[in-house]
N, C-alpha and C. Protein backbone atom coordinates (compact mmCIF):
# COMPACT_ATOMS: atom_id res chain seq x y z
N MET A 1 -79.39 -36.12 161.22
CA MET A 1 -80.67 -35.43 161.18
C MET A 1 -81.24 -35.55 159.76
N LEU A 2 -82.51 -35.85 159.69
CA LEU A 2 -83.17 -36.00 158.40
C LEU A 2 -83.81 -34.68 157.99
N PHE A 3 -83.60 -34.29 156.76
CA PHE A 3 -84.22 -33.10 156.22
C PHE A 3 -85.41 -33.52 155.38
N TRP A 4 -86.56 -32.89 155.61
CA TRP A 4 -87.75 -33.23 154.86
C TRP A 4 -88.54 -31.95 154.60
N GLY A 5 -89.40 -32.00 153.63
CA GLY A 5 -90.21 -30.83 153.31
C GLY A 5 -91.29 -31.16 152.30
N TRP A 6 -92.16 -30.20 152.08
CA TRP A 6 -93.24 -30.37 151.13
C TRP A 6 -93.62 -28.99 150.61
N GLY A 7 -94.38 -28.98 149.54
CA GLY A 7 -94.83 -27.70 148.99
C GLY A 7 -95.27 -27.81 147.55
N ARG A 8 -95.26 -26.67 146.88
CA ARG A 8 -95.59 -26.58 145.46
C ARG A 8 -94.42 -25.96 144.74
N LYS A 9 -94.21 -26.40 143.52
CA LYS A 9 -93.16 -25.80 142.69
C LYS A 9 -93.65 -25.73 141.26
N SER A 10 -92.97 -24.95 140.46
CA SER A 10 -93.38 -24.81 139.06
C SER A 10 -92.15 -24.86 138.15
N LEU A 11 -92.41 -25.25 136.93
CA LEU A 11 -91.39 -25.32 135.88
C LEU A 11 -91.92 -24.53 134.69
N GLN A 12 -91.11 -23.64 134.13
CA GLN A 12 -91.55 -22.78 133.04
C GLN A 12 -90.68 -22.99 131.82
N ARG A 13 -91.32 -23.03 130.66
CA ARG A 13 -90.61 -23.09 129.38
C ARG A 13 -91.17 -21.98 128.49
N GLN A 14 -90.30 -21.09 128.06
CA GLN A 14 -90.72 -19.97 127.22
C GLN A 14 -90.82 -20.44 125.77
N VAL A 15 -91.99 -20.25 125.19
CA VAL A 15 -92.24 -20.65 123.81
C VAL A 15 -91.89 -19.51 122.86
N SER A 16 -92.26 -18.30 123.25
CA SER A 16 -91.95 -17.10 122.47
C SER A 16 -91.77 -15.96 123.48
N PRO A 17 -91.36 -14.78 123.02
CA PRO A 17 -91.17 -13.69 123.98
C PRO A 17 -92.43 -13.31 124.76
N GLU A 18 -93.60 -13.64 124.20
CA GLU A 18 -94.83 -13.29 124.91
C GLU A 18 -95.65 -14.49 125.39
N THR A 19 -95.14 -15.72 125.28
CA THR A 19 -95.89 -16.92 125.70
C THR A 19 -94.97 -17.87 126.47
N THR A 20 -95.48 -18.37 127.58
CA THR A 20 -94.74 -19.32 128.42
C THR A 20 -95.68 -20.45 128.85
N VAL A 21 -95.17 -21.67 128.83
CA VAL A 21 -95.90 -22.83 129.34
C VAL A 21 -95.41 -23.09 130.76
N VAL A 22 -96.34 -23.26 131.70
CA VAL A 22 -96.02 -23.45 133.11
C VAL A 22 -96.61 -24.77 133.59
N ARG A 23 -95.79 -25.59 134.25
CA ARG A 23 -96.30 -26.80 134.93
C ARG A 23 -96.05 -26.63 136.42
N SER A 24 -97.08 -26.81 137.22
CA SER A 24 -96.90 -26.76 138.67
C SER A 24 -97.32 -28.10 139.25
N ASP A 25 -96.70 -28.46 140.37
CA ASP A 25 -97.01 -29.72 141.03
C ASP A 25 -96.79 -29.59 142.53
N ARG A 26 -97.21 -30.60 143.25
CA ARG A 26 -96.99 -30.68 144.68
C ARG A 26 -95.93 -31.75 144.93
N TYR A 27 -95.15 -31.59 145.99
CA TYR A 27 -94.07 -32.55 146.25
C TYR A 27 -93.89 -32.77 147.74
N LEU A 28 -93.25 -33.89 148.04
CA LEU A 28 -92.81 -34.24 149.39
C LEU A 28 -91.43 -34.84 149.22
N HIS A 29 -90.45 -34.38 150.01
CA HIS A 29 -89.10 -34.93 149.86
C HIS A 29 -88.51 -35.26 151.22
N LEU A 30 -87.56 -36.20 151.18
CA LEU A 30 -86.83 -36.64 152.36
C LEU A 30 -85.35 -36.61 152.02
N MET A 31 -84.59 -35.83 152.75
CA MET A 31 -83.14 -35.71 152.55
C MET A 31 -82.78 -35.25 151.14
N PHE A 32 -83.64 -34.55 150.47
CA PHE A 32 -83.39 -33.96 149.15
C PHE A 32 -83.07 -35.02 148.08
N SER A 33 -83.10 -36.29 148.43
CA SER A 33 -82.80 -37.33 147.46
C SER A 33 -84.03 -38.13 147.09
N PHE A 34 -84.90 -38.36 148.03
CA PHE A 34 -86.10 -39.17 147.81
C PHE A 34 -87.30 -38.23 147.75
N THR A 35 -87.97 -38.26 146.61
CA THR A 35 -89.05 -37.30 146.36
C THR A 35 -90.25 -38.02 145.75
N VAL A 36 -91.41 -37.49 146.04
CA VAL A 36 -92.62 -37.92 145.35
C VAL A 36 -93.37 -36.65 144.93
N THR A 37 -93.82 -36.61 143.69
CA THR A 37 -94.57 -35.46 143.18
C THR A 37 -95.91 -35.94 142.63
N TRP A 38 -96.89 -35.07 142.69
CA TRP A 38 -98.23 -35.41 142.20
C TRP A 38 -98.98 -34.11 141.89
N GLY A 39 -100.15 -34.25 141.30
CA GLY A 39 -101.02 -33.10 141.03
C GLY A 39 -100.47 -32.13 140.03
N TYR A 40 -100.15 -32.60 138.83
CA TYR A 40 -99.58 -31.73 137.80
C TYR A 40 -100.67 -30.85 137.20
N ASP A 41 -100.43 -29.56 137.18
CA ASP A 41 -101.33 -28.58 136.56
C ASP A 41 -100.54 -27.81 135.51
N TYR A 42 -101.14 -27.61 134.35
CA TYR A 42 -100.50 -26.89 133.27
C TYR A 42 -101.23 -25.57 133.04
N ALA A 43 -100.47 -24.55 132.64
CA ALA A 43 -101.06 -23.25 132.34
C ALA A 43 -100.27 -22.62 131.19
N ILE A 44 -100.93 -21.74 130.48
CA ILE A 44 -100.31 -20.95 129.42
C ILE A 44 -100.32 -19.50 129.89
N ALA A 45 -99.15 -18.91 129.99
CA ALA A 45 -99.04 -17.50 130.39
C ALA A 45 -98.74 -16.66 129.16
N THR A 46 -99.52 -15.60 128.97
CA THR A 46 -99.38 -14.73 127.81
C THR A 46 -99.15 -13.30 128.28
N LEU A 47 -98.16 -12.63 127.69
CA LEU A 47 -97.87 -11.24 128.04
C LEU A 47 -98.90 -10.33 127.41
N THR A 48 -99.52 -9.48 128.22
CA THR A 48 -100.50 -8.50 127.76
C THR A 48 -99.96 -7.10 128.09
N PRO A 49 -100.58 -6.06 127.60
CA PRO A 49 -100.10 -4.70 127.92
C PRO A 49 -100.12 -4.37 129.42
N VAL A 50 -100.94 -5.08 130.19
CA VAL A 50 -101.03 -4.79 131.64
C VAL A 50 -100.33 -5.84 132.49
N GLY A 51 -99.67 -6.82 131.89
CA GLY A 51 -98.95 -7.85 132.65
C GLY A 51 -99.19 -9.23 132.06
N TRP A 52 -98.90 -10.26 132.85
CA TRP A 52 -99.05 -11.64 132.38
C TRP A 52 -100.45 -12.14 132.69
N ALA A 53 -101.09 -12.74 131.68
CA ALA A 53 -102.40 -13.38 131.85
C ALA A 53 -102.17 -14.89 131.77
N THR A 54 -102.71 -15.61 132.74
CA THR A 54 -102.50 -17.06 132.81
C THR A 54 -103.84 -17.76 132.72
N ARG A 55 -103.88 -18.82 131.93
CA ARG A 55 -105.09 -19.64 131.83
C ARG A 55 -104.70 -21.10 131.95
N PRO A 56 -105.56 -21.92 132.58
CA PRO A 56 -105.27 -23.36 132.66
C PRO A 56 -105.27 -23.99 131.27
N ALA A 57 -104.48 -25.04 131.12
CA ALA A 57 -104.39 -25.73 129.82
C ALA A 57 -104.27 -27.23 130.06
N PRO A 58 -104.85 -28.04 129.17
CA PRO A 58 -104.67 -29.49 129.29
C PRO A 58 -103.24 -29.87 128.90
N PRO A 59 -102.75 -31.01 129.41
CA PRO A 59 -101.37 -31.43 129.11
C PRO A 59 -101.07 -31.56 127.62
N LEU A 60 -102.04 -32.02 126.84
CA LEU A 60 -101.80 -32.18 125.40
C LEU A 60 -101.56 -30.84 124.71
N GLU A 61 -102.29 -29.82 125.11
CA GLU A 61 -102.09 -28.49 124.52
C GLU A 61 -100.71 -27.94 124.91
N ALA A 62 -100.34 -28.13 126.17
CA ALA A 62 -99.02 -27.66 126.62
C ALA A 62 -97.90 -28.37 125.86
N ARG A 63 -98.03 -29.68 125.69
CA ARG A 63 -97.01 -30.43 124.96
C ARG A 63 -96.97 -30.02 123.49
N ALA A 64 -98.12 -29.74 122.90
CA ALA A 64 -98.16 -29.30 121.50
C ALA A 64 -97.47 -27.95 121.32
N MET A 65 -97.63 -27.06 122.29
CA MET A 65 -96.96 -25.76 122.20
C MET A 65 -95.45 -25.88 122.34
N LEU A 66 -95.00 -26.95 123.01
CA LEU A 66 -93.57 -27.17 123.21
C LEU A 66 -92.98 -28.13 122.17
N ASN A 67 -93.71 -28.38 121.10
CA ASN A 67 -93.27 -29.28 120.02
C ASN A 67 -92.95 -30.68 120.55
N GLY A 68 -93.79 -31.17 121.44
CA GLY A 68 -93.64 -32.53 121.94
C GLY A 68 -92.75 -32.69 123.16
N GLU A 69 -92.11 -31.63 123.63
CA GLU A 69 -91.27 -31.74 124.83
C GLU A 69 -92.14 -32.07 126.04
N ASP A 70 -91.69 -33.02 126.80
CA ASP A 70 -92.46 -33.47 127.96
C ASP A 70 -91.97 -32.74 129.21
N LEU A 71 -92.88 -32.18 129.98
CA LEU A 71 -92.52 -31.47 131.20
C LEU A 71 -92.66 -32.34 132.44
N GLU A 72 -92.96 -33.62 132.25
CA GLU A 72 -93.09 -34.51 133.40
C GLU A 72 -91.74 -34.69 134.08
N PRO A 73 -91.72 -34.79 135.41
CA PRO A 73 -90.44 -35.00 136.10
C PRO A 73 -89.91 -36.42 135.86
N SER A 74 -88.63 -36.60 136.11
CA SER A 74 -88.01 -37.91 135.96
C SER A 74 -88.51 -38.86 137.05
N PHE A 75 -88.22 -40.15 136.89
CA PHE A 75 -88.65 -41.14 137.88
C PHE A 75 -88.10 -40.80 139.26
N ARG A 76 -86.85 -40.35 139.33
CA ARG A 76 -86.25 -40.03 140.63
C ARG A 76 -87.01 -38.92 141.34
N LYS A 77 -87.45 -37.92 140.59
CA LYS A 77 -88.19 -36.82 141.20
C LYS A 77 -89.66 -37.16 141.40
N ARG A 78 -90.17 -38.14 140.66
CA ARG A 78 -91.59 -38.45 140.73
C ARG A 78 -91.91 -39.51 141.78
N ASP A 79 -91.15 -40.61 141.84
CA ASP A 79 -91.54 -41.74 142.68
C ASP A 79 -90.42 -42.34 143.49
N SER A 80 -89.29 -41.67 143.67
CA SER A 80 -88.19 -42.30 144.38
C SER A 80 -88.49 -42.51 145.86
N LEU A 81 -89.31 -41.66 146.47
CA LEU A 81 -89.66 -41.86 147.88
C LEU A 81 -90.51 -43.11 148.05
N VAL A 82 -91.42 -43.34 147.13
CA VAL A 82 -92.26 -44.55 147.18
C VAL A 82 -91.38 -45.79 147.02
N LEU A 83 -90.44 -45.76 146.10
CA LEU A 83 -89.53 -46.89 145.90
C LEU A 83 -88.67 -47.12 147.14
N ALA A 84 -88.16 -46.06 147.75
CA ALA A 84 -87.34 -46.21 148.95
C ALA A 84 -88.15 -46.82 150.10
N LEU A 85 -89.38 -46.39 150.27
CA LEU A 85 -90.23 -46.95 151.33
C LEU A 85 -90.56 -48.41 151.05
N ALA A 86 -90.77 -48.77 149.79
CA ALA A 86 -91.04 -50.17 149.44
C ALA A 86 -89.83 -51.04 149.74
N VAL A 87 -88.63 -50.56 149.48
CA VAL A 87 -87.41 -51.32 149.78
C VAL A 87 -87.27 -51.52 151.29
N VAL A 88 -87.54 -50.47 152.08
CA VAL A 88 -87.45 -50.58 153.53
C VAL A 88 -88.46 -51.60 154.05
N VAL A 89 -89.69 -51.57 153.57
CA VAL A 89 -90.71 -52.52 153.99
C VAL A 89 -90.31 -53.94 153.60
N ALA A 90 -89.78 -54.13 152.39
CA ALA A 90 -89.35 -55.46 151.96
C ALA A 90 -88.22 -55.98 152.84
N ILE A 91 -87.28 -55.12 153.21
CA ILE A 91 -86.19 -55.54 154.09
C ILE A 91 -86.73 -55.91 155.47
N LEU A 92 -87.65 -55.12 155.99
CA LEU A 92 -88.24 -55.43 157.30
C LEU A 92 -89.01 -56.76 157.29
N ILE A 93 -89.75 -56.99 156.23
CA ILE A 93 -90.50 -58.25 156.13
C ILE A 93 -89.54 -59.42 155.94
N GLY A 94 -88.51 -59.23 155.13
CA GLY A 94 -87.55 -60.30 154.88
C GLY A 94 -86.69 -60.63 156.08
N SER A 95 -86.43 -59.66 156.94
CA SER A 95 -85.58 -59.92 158.10
C SER A 95 -86.37 -60.28 159.35
N ALA A 96 -87.68 -60.33 159.26
CA ALA A 96 -88.50 -60.71 160.41
C ALA A 96 -88.27 -62.19 160.72
N PRO A 97 -88.23 -62.55 162.00
CA PRO A 97 -88.01 -63.96 162.34
C PRO A 97 -89.20 -64.81 161.87
N HIS A 98 -88.87 -65.91 161.26
CA HIS A 98 -89.90 -66.82 160.78
C HIS A 98 -89.97 -68.01 161.72
N GLN A 99 -91.16 -68.36 162.15
CA GLN A 99 -91.33 -69.48 163.06
C GLN A 99 -91.75 -70.70 162.24
N VAL A 100 -90.99 -71.78 162.40
CA VAL A 100 -91.28 -73.01 161.68
C VAL A 100 -92.15 -73.88 162.56
N ASP A 101 -93.21 -74.40 162.00
CA ASP A 101 -94.11 -75.26 162.75
C ASP A 101 -93.46 -76.64 162.91
N PRO A 102 -93.18 -77.09 164.15
CA PRO A 102 -92.50 -78.37 164.33
C PRO A 102 -93.40 -79.58 164.08
N GLY A 103 -94.63 -79.37 163.86
CA GLY A 103 -95.55 -80.48 163.64
C GLY A 103 -96.20 -80.91 164.95
N PRO A 104 -97.03 -81.95 164.91
CA PRO A 104 -97.72 -82.38 166.14
C PRO A 104 -96.75 -83.06 167.10
N ARG A 105 -96.96 -82.84 168.40
CA ARG A 105 -96.12 -83.47 169.43
C ARG A 105 -96.67 -84.86 169.73
N GLN A 106 -95.75 -85.77 170.00
CA GLN A 106 -96.16 -87.13 170.34
C GLN A 106 -96.02 -87.32 171.86
N VAL A 107 -97.09 -87.70 172.48
CA VAL A 107 -97.11 -87.90 173.93
C VAL A 107 -97.68 -89.29 174.19
N SER A 108 -97.04 -90.03 175.11
CA SER A 108 -97.57 -91.35 175.45
C SER A 108 -98.65 -91.20 176.51
N LEU A 109 -99.48 -92.19 176.62
CA LEU A 109 -100.58 -92.13 177.56
C LEU A 109 -100.15 -92.40 179.00
N ASP A 110 -98.97 -92.99 179.22
CA ASP A 110 -98.54 -93.27 180.59
C ASP A 110 -97.83 -92.08 181.21
N GLY A 111 -97.67 -90.96 180.49
CA GLY A 111 -97.09 -89.75 181.05
C GLY A 111 -95.58 -89.71 181.02
N GLN A 112 -94.89 -90.78 180.58
CA GLN A 112 -93.42 -90.76 180.57
C GLN A 112 -92.87 -90.15 179.29
N GLY A 113 -93.65 -89.96 178.32
CA GLY A 113 -93.16 -89.43 177.05
C GLY A 113 -92.55 -90.52 176.22
N LEU A 114 -92.00 -90.21 175.12
CA LEU A 114 -91.44 -91.19 174.20
C LEU A 114 -89.95 -91.44 174.48
N ALA A 115 -89.33 -90.69 175.37
CA ALA A 115 -87.92 -90.84 175.61
C ALA A 115 -87.59 -92.13 176.36
N GLY A 116 -88.50 -92.65 177.17
CA GLY A 116 -88.25 -93.84 177.94
C GLY A 116 -88.42 -95.13 177.15
N ARG A 117 -88.77 -95.13 175.96
CA ARG A 117 -89.03 -96.34 175.17
C ARG A 117 -87.87 -96.75 174.36
């Protein structure tokens, strides 16, 4: 049985006791091994007296707050499903029967063919 799913997830890195950088993305996975993620959104969450306030942030600002740490997922989490599908398509195309063109047929005009000559 194949396990698959999709949704949104987030990754948080605390910069200080009152500031957190948040990256959220969308994902699709197959058997928990092959995943594709897209739509990265960054936000800065700041602790206020009434709770956490969150504002959207560009990736460069988020990376600057983390001293250059990159929050992008690894290749396996980002594009492994696309790679797996490409391998399956390549195998299917490579294993498809190939028909070789035998060239033009030679037929004699008397209807006996070339075998009688």
